[in-house]
N, C-alpha and C. Protein backbone atom coordinates (compact mmCIF):
# COMPACT_ATOMS: atom_id res chain seq x y z
N MET A 1 -6.47 -11.25 7.43
CA MET A 1 -7.64 -11.28 6.76
C MET A 1 -8.40 -9.36 6.73
N ASP A 2 -8.96 -9.06 5.48
CA ASP A 2 -9.40 -7.95 5.58
C ASP A 2 -10.51 -7.74 6.41
N PRO A 3 -10.41 -6.51 7.36
CA PRO A 3 -11.53 -6.32 8.30
C PRO A 3 -12.90 -6.48 8.21
N ALA A 4 -12.69 -5.50 6.83
CA ALA A 4 -14.25 -5.35 6.09
C ALA A 4 -14.83 -6.73 5.57
N ASN A 5 -14.13 -8.05 5.26
CA ASN A 5 -14.61 -9.32 5.07
C ASN A 5 -14.64 -10.14 6.47
N LYS A 6 -14.65 -9.61 7.60
CA LYS A 6 -14.93 -10.79 8.83
C LYS A 6 -16.23 -10.97 8.93
N LYS A 7 -16.35 -12.01 9.81
CA LYS A 7 -17.94 -12.39 10.02
C LYS A 7 -17.91 -11.78 11.73
N GLN A 8 -17.12 -11.52 12.40
CA GLN A 8 -16.90 -11.01 13.64
C GLN A 8 -16.25 -9.42 13.60
N ILE A 9 -16.53 -9.07 14.59
CA ILE A 9 -16.10 -7.44 14.93
C ILE A 9 -15.77 -7.36 16.51
N LYS A 10 -14.47 -7.31 16.52
CA LYS A 10 -14.07 -7.01 18.18
C LYS A 10 -13.95 -5.88 18.77
N PHE A 11 -14.75 -5.40 19.67
CA PHE A 11 -14.79 -3.89 20.27
C PHE A 11 -13.88 -3.93 21.58
N LEU A 12 -13.47 -2.63 21.76
CA LEU A 12 -12.66 -2.42 22.62
C LEU A 12 -13.41 -0.91 23.12
N THR A 13 -13.46 -0.52 24.68
CA THR A 13 -13.79 0.59 24.83
C THR A 13 -12.98 1.10 26.29
N TYR A 14 -12.73 1.98 26.44
CA TYR A 14 -11.63 2.00 27.37
C TYR A 14 -11.59 3.67 27.97
N ASN A 15 -11.83 4.07 29.14
CA ASN A 15 -11.74 5.35 29.87
C ASN A 15 -10.49 5.44 30.51
N VAL A 16 -9.79 6.18 29.58
CA VAL A 16 -8.10 6.21 30.04
C VAL A 16 -7.86 7.25 31.16
N TRP A 17 -8.79 8.11 31.55
CA TRP A 17 -8.54 9.01 32.47
C TRP A 17 -7.50 9.92 32.14
N ARG A 18 -7.95 11.07 31.99
CA ARG A 18 -7.46 11.80 31.12
C ARG A 18 -6.28 12.76 32.24
N ARG A 19 -6.18 12.12 33.74
CA ARG A 19 -5.11 13.01 34.67
C ARG A 19 -3.69 13.01 34.05
N GLY A 20 -3.06 13.62 33.65
CA GLY A 20 -1.72 14.03 33.16
C GLY A 20 -0.72 13.91 34.28
N ASP A 21 -0.99 14.03 35.43
CA ASP A 21 -0.17 14.45 36.32
C ASP A 21 0.29 12.77 37.32
N VAL A 22 -0.20 11.71 36.70
CA VAL A 22 -0.16 10.54 36.92
C VAL A 22 0.26 9.36 36.06
N MET A 23 1.61 9.19 35.89
CA MET A 23 2.33 8.43 35.26
C MET A 23 1.71 8.22 33.53
N LEU A 24 1.46 9.41 32.77
CA LEU A 24 0.68 9.62 31.95
C LEU A 24 1.18 8.47 30.98
N TYR A 25 2.24 8.93 30.54
CA TYR A 25 3.05 7.57 29.71
C TYR A 25 3.10 6.12 29.61
N LYS A 26 3.33 5.57 31.03
CA LYS A 26 3.01 4.47 31.38
C LYS A 26 1.56 3.66 31.58
N ARG A 27 0.66 4.57 31.64
CA ARG A 27 -0.55 4.22 31.74
C ARG A 27 -1.38 4.21 30.11
N MET A 28 -0.66 5.02 29.22
CA MET A 28 -1.21 4.98 28.08
C MET A 28 -0.37 3.78 27.30
N LYS A 29 0.69 3.48 27.60
CA LYS A 29 1.52 2.25 27.13
C LYS A 29 0.91 1.09 27.41
N ALA A 30 0.48 1.13 28.66
CA ALA A 30 -0.28 -0.17 29.26
C ALA A 30 -1.83 -0.40 28.38
N ILE A 31 -2.76 0.50 28.62
CA ILE A 31 -3.59 0.83 27.47
C ILE A 31 -3.30 0.24 25.91
N GLY A 32 -2.08 0.69 25.52
CA GLY A 32 -1.79 0.44 24.14
C GLY A 32 -1.16 -1.13 24.00
N ASP A 33 -0.95 -1.55 24.94
CA ASP A 33 -0.26 -3.21 25.20
C ASP A 33 -1.61 -3.84 24.86
N LEU A 34 -3.09 -3.57 25.48
CA LEU A 34 -4.15 -4.44 25.49
C LEU A 34 -4.89 -3.95 24.24
N VAL A 35 -4.40 -2.86 23.36
CA VAL A 35 -4.80 -3.05 22.22
C VAL A 35 -4.09 -3.81 21.41
N VAL A 36 -2.53 -3.90 21.41
CA VAL A 36 -1.93 -4.90 20.67
C VAL A 36 -2.09 -6.07 20.83
N GLU A 37 -2.82 -6.65 22.44
CA GLU A 37 -3.18 -8.10 22.84
C GLU A 37 -4.02 -8.62 21.99
N HIS A 38 -5.06 -7.63 21.96
CA HIS A 38 -6.58 -8.04 21.66
C HIS A 38 -7.21 -7.77 20.23
N LYS A 39 -6.32 -7.01 19.89
CA LYS A 39 -6.40 -6.82 18.29
C LYS A 39 -7.90 -6.15 17.80
N PRO A 40 -8.70 -5.26 18.65
CA PRO A 40 -9.80 -5.02 18.13
C PRO A 40 -10.26 -4.27 17.39
N ASP A 41 -11.38 -4.21 16.15
CA ASP A 41 -11.59 -3.82 15.24
C ASP A 41 -12.21 -2.42 15.36
N VAL A 42 -12.65 -2.07 16.57
CA VAL A 42 -13.26 -0.70 16.72
C VAL A 42 -12.96 -0.69 17.94
N VAL A 43 -12.24 0.87 18.35
CA VAL A 43 -11.79 1.13 19.59
C VAL A 43 -12.64 2.45 19.96
N PHE A 44 -13.16 2.66 21.21
CA PHE A 44 -13.90 3.84 21.72
C PHE A 44 -12.91 4.39 22.90
N PHE A 45 -12.16 5.50 22.86
CA PHE A 45 -11.37 5.98 24.04
C PHE A 45 -11.83 7.16 24.22
N GLN A 46 -12.20 7.11 25.93
CA GLN A 46 -12.86 8.35 26.56
C GLN A 46 -11.99 8.99 27.35
N GLU A 47 -12.10 10.12 27.77
CA GLU A 47 -11.24 11.06 28.01
C GLU A 47 -9.71 11.27 27.61
N VAL A 48 -10.06 11.60 26.47
CA VAL A 48 -8.75 11.60 25.58
C VAL A 48 -8.10 13.23 25.69
N SER A 49 -6.92 13.64 26.44
CA SER A 49 -6.28 14.84 25.88
C SER A 49 -5.65 14.88 25.08
N PRO A 50 -5.27 16.12 24.28
CA PRO A 50 -4.61 16.06 23.34
C PRO A 50 -2.91 15.31 23.70
N ASP A 51 -2.55 15.75 24.93
CA ASP A 51 -1.16 14.72 25.32
C ASP A 51 -1.28 13.31 25.22
N ILE A 52 -2.50 12.64 25.65
CA ILE A 52 -2.90 11.42 25.29
C ILE A 52 -3.02 10.76 23.63
N ARG A 53 -3.52 11.72 23.25
CA ARG A 53 -3.58 11.47 21.65
C ARG A 53 -2.22 11.69 21.09
N ASP A 54 -1.27 12.28 21.66
CA ASP A 54 -0.22 12.38 21.07
C ASP A 54 0.59 11.16 21.39
N ILE A 55 0.74 10.75 22.62
CA ILE A 55 1.16 9.35 23.07
C ILE A 55 0.60 8.07 22.33
N PHE A 56 -0.70 8.51 21.97
CA PHE A 56 -1.16 6.91 20.99
C PHE A 56 -0.66 7.18 19.65
N GLU A 57 -0.68 8.51 19.00
CA GLU A 57 -0.21 8.41 17.76
C GLU A 57 1.25 7.89 17.50
N SER A 58 1.95 8.23 18.67
CA SER A 58 3.47 7.57 18.59
C SER A 58 3.56 6.17 18.74
N PHE A 59 2.50 5.24 18.91
CA PHE A 59 2.63 4.04 18.93
C PHE A 59 2.40 3.32 17.83
N ALA A 60 3.17 2.04 17.19
CA ALA A 60 2.83 1.61 15.94
C ALA A 60 1.52 1.15 15.56
N TRP A 61 0.86 0.43 16.68
CA TRP A 61 -0.42 0.19 16.23
C TRP A 61 -1.41 1.06 15.65
N TRP A 62 -1.06 2.28 16.30
CA TRP A 62 -1.86 3.53 15.69
C TRP A 62 -1.96 3.29 14.20
N LYS A 63 -1.42 3.41 13.66
CA LYS A 63 -1.32 3.29 11.97
C LYS A 63 -1.95 2.02 11.48
N GLU A 64 -2.60 1.24 12.26
CA GLU A 64 -3.50 0.10 11.56
C GLU A 64 -4.75 0.71 11.89
N TYR A 65 -5.15 1.86 12.16
CA TYR A 65 -6.70 1.97 12.51
C TYR A 65 -7.20 3.39 11.54
N TYR A 66 -8.20 3.65 11.40
CA TYR A 66 -8.78 5.13 11.01
C TYR A 66 -9.21 5.57 12.22
N CYS A 67 -9.20 6.91 12.29
CA CYS A 67 -9.41 7.59 13.56
C CYS A 67 -10.70 8.64 13.26
N LYS A 68 -11.37 8.79 14.32
CA LYS A 68 -12.04 9.87 14.22
C LYS A 68 -12.19 10.61 15.28
N THR A 69 -11.97 11.74 15.29
CA THR A 69 -11.90 12.64 16.59
C THR A 69 -13.55 13.09 16.91
N VAL A 70 -13.91 13.05 17.72
CA VAL A 70 -15.29 13.47 18.21
C VAL A 70 -15.49 14.71 19.14
N PRO A 71 -16.04 15.73 18.47
CA PRO A 71 -15.92 16.85 19.71
C PRO A 71 -16.43 17.12 20.62
N GLY A 72 -16.31 17.63 21.68
CA GLY A 72 -17.30 17.42 23.16
C GLY A 72 -16.58 16.75 24.21
N PRO A 73 -16.81 15.42 24.22
CA PRO A 73 -16.47 14.39 25.59
C PRO A 73 -15.10 13.97 25.03
N ASP A 74 -14.40 14.76 24.13
CA ASP A 74 -12.80 13.63 24.17
C ASP A 74 -12.57 12.10 24.12
N VAL A 75 -13.49 12.00 22.92
CA VAL A 75 -13.75 10.43 22.64
C VAL A 75 -12.93 10.38 21.55
N LEU A 76 -12.42 9.53 21.26
CA LEU A 76 -11.57 8.75 19.70
C LEU A 76 -12.68 7.70 19.61
N LEU A 77 -12.91 7.59 18.08
CA LEU A 77 -13.24 6.40 17.40
C LEU A 77 -12.61 5.56 16.50
N LEU A 78 -11.72 4.58 16.78
CA LEU A 78 -10.55 4.06 15.95
C LEU A 78 -11.07 2.82 15.53
N SER A 79 -11.03 2.48 14.17
CA SER A 79 -11.59 0.94 13.60
C SER A 79 -10.72 0.72 12.07
N LYS A 80 -10.48 -0.66 12.16
CA LYS A 80 -9.83 -0.86 11.30
C LYS A 80 -10.68 -1.08 9.91
N LEU A 81 -12.14 -0.72 10.09
CA LEU A 81 -13.11 -0.86 9.52
C LEU A 81 -13.28 0.85 8.41
N PRO A 82 -13.19 0.71 6.92
CA PRO A 82 -13.15 2.17 6.72
C PRO A 82 -14.10 3.06 7.47
N LEU A 83 -13.78 4.23 7.57
CA LEU A 83 -14.56 4.91 8.23
C LEU A 83 -14.69 6.42 7.19
N SER A 84 -15.53 6.44 6.27
CA SER A 84 -15.71 7.31 5.09
C SER A 84 -16.98 7.62 5.05
N THR A 85 -17.29 8.97 4.83
CA THR A 85 -18.79 9.60 4.25
C THR A 85 -19.06 9.10 3.12
N PRO A 86 -20.12 8.34 3.15
CA PRO A 86 -21.38 8.98 4.11
C PRO A 86 -21.34 7.40 5.23
N TYR A 87 -20.77 6.87 5.10
CA TYR A 87 -20.99 5.98 5.97
C TYR A 87 -20.46 5.94 7.51
N VAL A 88 -20.17 7.14 7.89
CA VAL A 88 -20.17 7.33 9.28
C VAL A 88 -20.89 8.82 9.62
N GLU A 89 -21.63 8.39 10.55
CA GLU A 89 -22.30 10.03 11.19
C GLU A 89 -22.20 9.97 12.50
N PHE A 90 -21.74 11.31 13.24
CA PHE A 90 -21.71 11.21 14.61
C PHE A 90 -22.69 11.85 14.97
N GLU A 91 -23.01 11.71 16.18
CA GLU A 91 -24.14 12.70 16.78
C GLU A 91 -23.51 12.94 18.24
N THR A 92 -23.35 13.93 18.73
CA THR A 92 -22.57 14.15 19.96
C THR A 92 -23.68 15.17 20.71
N PHE A 93 -23.71 15.03 22.23
CA PHE A 93 -24.39 16.37 22.87
C PHE A 93 -24.10 15.97 24.29
N VAL A 94 -24.17 16.65 24.85
CA VAL A 94 -24.09 16.55 26.78
C VAL A 94 -25.54 16.97 27.10
N ARG A 95 -25.89 15.94 27.73
CA ARG A 95 -27.16 16.48 28.39
C ARG A 95 -27.16 15.77 29.72
N PRO A 96 -26.88 16.25 30.77
CA PRO A 96 -26.67 15.61 32.21
C PRO A 96 -27.68 14.37 32.22
N PRO A 97 -27.05 13.40 32.97
CA PRO A 97 -25.89 13.19 33.33
C PRO A 97 -24.81 12.44 32.74
N THR A 98 -25.30 12.62 31.34
CA THR A 98 -24.21 11.71 30.45
C THR A 98 -23.41 12.35 29.27
N ASP A 99 -22.51 12.15 28.54
CA ASP A 99 -22.01 12.45 27.24
C ASP A 99 -22.30 11.17 26.20
N HIS A 100 -22.71 11.09 25.34
CA HIS A 100 -22.95 10.36 24.46
C HIS A 100 -22.39 10.49 22.98
N VAL A 101 -22.14 9.09 22.34
CA VAL A 101 -21.30 9.42 21.06
C VAL A 101 -21.89 7.92 20.11
N MET A 102 -22.18 8.36 19.36
CA MET A 102 -22.69 7.01 18.28
C MET A 102 -22.06 7.42 16.80
N ALA A 103 -21.72 6.38 16.46
CA ALA A 103 -21.50 6.51 14.85
C ALA A 103 -22.26 5.04 13.86
N ASP A 104 -22.56 5.03 12.94
CA ASP A 104 -22.78 4.12 11.85
C ASP A 104 -21.62 3.77 11.17
N ILE A 105 -21.33 2.35 10.98
CA ILE A 105 -20.25 2.16 10.20
C ILE A 105 -20.88 0.97 9.28
N LYS A 106 -20.07 0.78 8.33
CA LYS A 106 -20.75 0.12 7.12
C LYS A 106 -19.72 -1.07 6.64
N PRO A 107 -19.26 -2.18 7.07
CA PRO A 107 -18.06 -2.80 6.94
C PRO A 107 -17.70 -3.09 5.61
N SER A 108 -18.84 -3.15 4.66
CA SER A 108 -18.29 -3.53 3.49
C SER A 108 -19.40 -2.85 2.53
N PRO A 109 -19.16 -1.78 2.24
CA PRO A 109 -20.17 -1.05 1.32
C PRO A 109 -20.59 -1.47 -0.21
N ALA A 110 -19.51 -1.92 -0.71
CA ALA A 110 -19.65 -2.80 -1.92
C ALA A 110 -20.60 -3.96 -1.96
N ALA A 111 -20.32 -4.88 -0.75
CA ALA A 111 -21.01 -6.00 -0.60
C ALA A 111 -22.69 -5.71 0.06
N GLY A 112 -23.01 -4.57 0.30
CA GLY A 112 -24.22 -4.19 0.66
C GLY A 112 -24.36 -4.55 2.40
N ALA A 113 -23.47 -4.53 2.65
CA ALA A 113 -23.43 -4.89 4.00
C ALA A 113 -24.49 -3.57 4.71
N ARG A 114 -24.86 -4.35 6.36
CA ARG A 114 -26.16 -3.30 6.85
C ARG A 114 -24.91 -2.37 7.90
N PRO A 115 -25.34 -1.31 8.07
CA PRO A 115 -24.59 -0.40 8.90
C PRO A 115 -24.76 -1.01 10.37
N ILE A 116 -23.38 -1.02 11.24
CA ILE A 116 -23.48 -1.25 12.28
C ILE A 116 -23.29 0.16 13.34
N ARG A 117 -24.07 -0.08 14.11
CA ARG A 117 -24.52 1.30 15.08
C ARG A 117 -23.30 0.75 16.35
N VAL A 118 -22.01 1.67 16.41
CA VAL A 118 -21.77 1.82 17.53
C VAL A 118 -21.68 2.68 18.52
N ALA A 119 -21.82 3.04 19.76
CA ALA A 119 -22.27 4.07 20.98
C ALA A 119 -21.55 3.52 22.30
N THR A 120 -21.60 5.14 22.76
CA THR A 120 -20.67 5.13 24.04
C THR A 120 -21.15 6.03 24.81
N ALA A 121 -21.36 6.20 26.20
CA ALA A 121 -21.57 6.98 26.93
C ALA A 121 -21.03 7.01 28.22
N GLN A 122 -20.58 8.48 28.55
CA GLN A 122 -19.80 8.38 29.58
C GLN A 122 -21.00 8.97 30.95
N LEU A 123 -20.88 8.44 31.90
CA LEU A 123 -21.47 8.71 33.05
C LEU A 123 -20.96 9.71 33.76
N GLU A 124 -21.74 10.46 34.59
CA GLU A 124 -21.01 11.57 35.23
C GLU A 124 -20.19 10.96 36.63
N ARG A 125 -18.81 11.69 36.72
CA ARG A 125 -18.11 11.12 37.81
C ARG A 125 -18.94 10.99 39.14
N PRO A 126 -18.71 10.25 40.10
CA PRO A 126 -18.84 10.43 41.39
C PRO A 126 -17.79 11.52 41.62
N ASN A 127 -18.11 12.19 42.69
CA ASN A 127 -17.53 13.28 43.43
C ASN A 127 -17.09 13.30 44.74
N PRO A 128 -15.94 12.88 45.44
CA PRO A 128 -15.99 12.58 46.97
C PRO A 128 -15.99 13.82 47.34
N PRO A 129 -16.35 14.15 48.85
CA PRO A 129 -16.57 13.07 49.27
C PRO A 129 -18.02 12.70 49.44
N SER A 130 -18.71 13.23 48.48
CA SER A 130 -20.30 12.69 48.74
C SER A 130 -20.34 11.52 47.43
N SER A 131 -19.52 10.27 47.21
CA SER A 131 -20.06 9.59 46.48
C SER A 131 -21.04 9.10 46.20
N MET A 132 -21.27 8.65 44.89
CA MET A 132 -22.71 8.22 44.13
C MET A 132 -23.12 6.57 44.82
N HIS A 133 -24.38 6.68 44.85
CA HIS A 133 -24.50 5.35 45.17
C HIS A 133 -24.83 4.40 43.67
N PHE A 134 -24.69 3.21 43.80
CA PHE A 134 -25.20 2.46 42.91
C PHE A 134 -26.24 2.75 42.15
N ARG A 135 -27.49 3.35 42.75
CA ARG A 135 -29.01 3.65 42.04
C ARG A 135 -28.51 4.72 41.22
N ASP A 136 -27.85 5.60 41.58
CA ASP A 136 -27.68 6.93 40.81
C ASP A 136 -27.21 6.55 40.04
N ARG A 137 -25.87 5.66 39.42
CA ARG A 137 -25.01 5.42 38.43
C ARG A 137 -26.19 4.48 37.48
N TYR A 138 -26.84 3.35 38.08
CA TYR A 138 -27.80 2.55 37.40
C TYR A 138 -28.81 3.64 36.33
N LYS A 139 -29.50 4.84 37.35
CA LYS A 139 -30.29 5.53 36.66
C LYS A 139 -29.98 6.24 35.48
N GLN A 140 -28.50 6.68 35.75
CA GLN A 140 -27.53 7.29 34.90
C GLN A 140 -27.58 6.56 33.16
N ALA A 141 -26.94 5.27 33.52
CA ALA A 141 -27.04 4.20 32.42
C ALA A 141 -27.90 3.99 31.90
N GLN A 142 -29.56 3.83 32.60
CA GLN A 142 -30.70 3.76 31.75
C GLN A 142 -30.99 4.87 31.06
N HIS A 143 -30.60 6.06 31.77
CA HIS A 143 -31.13 7.13 30.89
C HIS A 143 -30.34 7.28 29.22
N ALA A 144 -28.88 7.08 29.79
CA ALA A 144 -27.95 6.91 28.36
C ALA A 144 -28.85 5.81 27.49
N VAL A 145 -28.88 4.78 27.77
CA VAL A 145 -29.50 3.48 26.77
C VAL A 145 -30.68 4.18 26.25
N ALA A 146 -31.49 4.97 27.15
CA ALA A 146 -32.88 5.13 26.43
C ALA A 146 -32.43 6.46 25.44
N ASP A 147 -31.61 7.35 25.71
CA ASP A 147 -31.47 8.45 24.83
C ASP A 147 -30.64 7.71 23.21
N LEU A 148 -29.71 6.95 23.43
CA LEU A 148 -28.81 6.22 22.39
C LEU A 148 -30.21 5.67 21.54
N ASN A 149 -30.92 4.98 22.06
CA ASN A 149 -32.31 4.19 21.35
C ASN A 149 -32.89 5.39 20.57
N THR A 150 -33.14 6.29 21.13
CA THR A 150 -33.92 7.34 20.38
C THR A 150 -33.27 7.95 19.22
N MET A 151 -31.59 7.79 19.64
CA MET A 151 -31.08 8.68 18.59
C MET A 151 -30.92 8.15 16.88
N SER A 152 -30.61 8.76 16.09
CA SER A 152 -30.69 7.63 14.71
C SER A 152 -29.28 8.45 13.70
N CYS A 153 -28.92 7.52 13.17
CA CYS A 153 -27.30 8.21 12.38
C CYS A 153 -28.16 8.14 10.87
N SER A 154 -27.83 9.53 10.18
CA SER A 154 -28.48 9.28 8.88
C SER A 154 -27.93 8.23 7.85
N ALA A 155 -26.61 7.30 8.25
CA ALA A 155 -26.25 5.99 7.46
C ALA A 155 -27.08 5.02 7.62
N ALA A 156 -27.91 5.12 8.83
CA ALA A 156 -28.57 3.71 8.74
C ALA A 156 -29.91 4.10 8.20
N THR A 157 -30.30 5.19 8.08
CA THR A 157 -31.92 5.32 7.10
C THR A 157 -31.58 5.17 5.86
């Protein structure tokens, strides 16, 4: 079925953990297997290094997606839905304690479908030995949601 005409859209978001010295190919293969198994329509990958992107691009499933690279927090947006201007706008900024990426996609422009806003926020990592407590991470998440609620994408207006 054409993804643009579906009534449901399946999302997947995954922090791929950019450390290249810890079984990089094996980890990316396992993540790629999840993409194949679950067949998401929209995917956000966080902490994507150039090496990780190269590995993903070598997999057959990569060709099923449109790809938008977002500058800054090393995030990839993959979508089976068309991602062409003016239907996609990105706003990226870094303001402690989080990185945010947001896009408006329009599944079926010809049918007059309303834009769908997709977003991801990456919280600050806990740094051992003074790990962050639940309340600190919760406050970061609240801050990210508040920021995302105040942002606008021009495709939605």
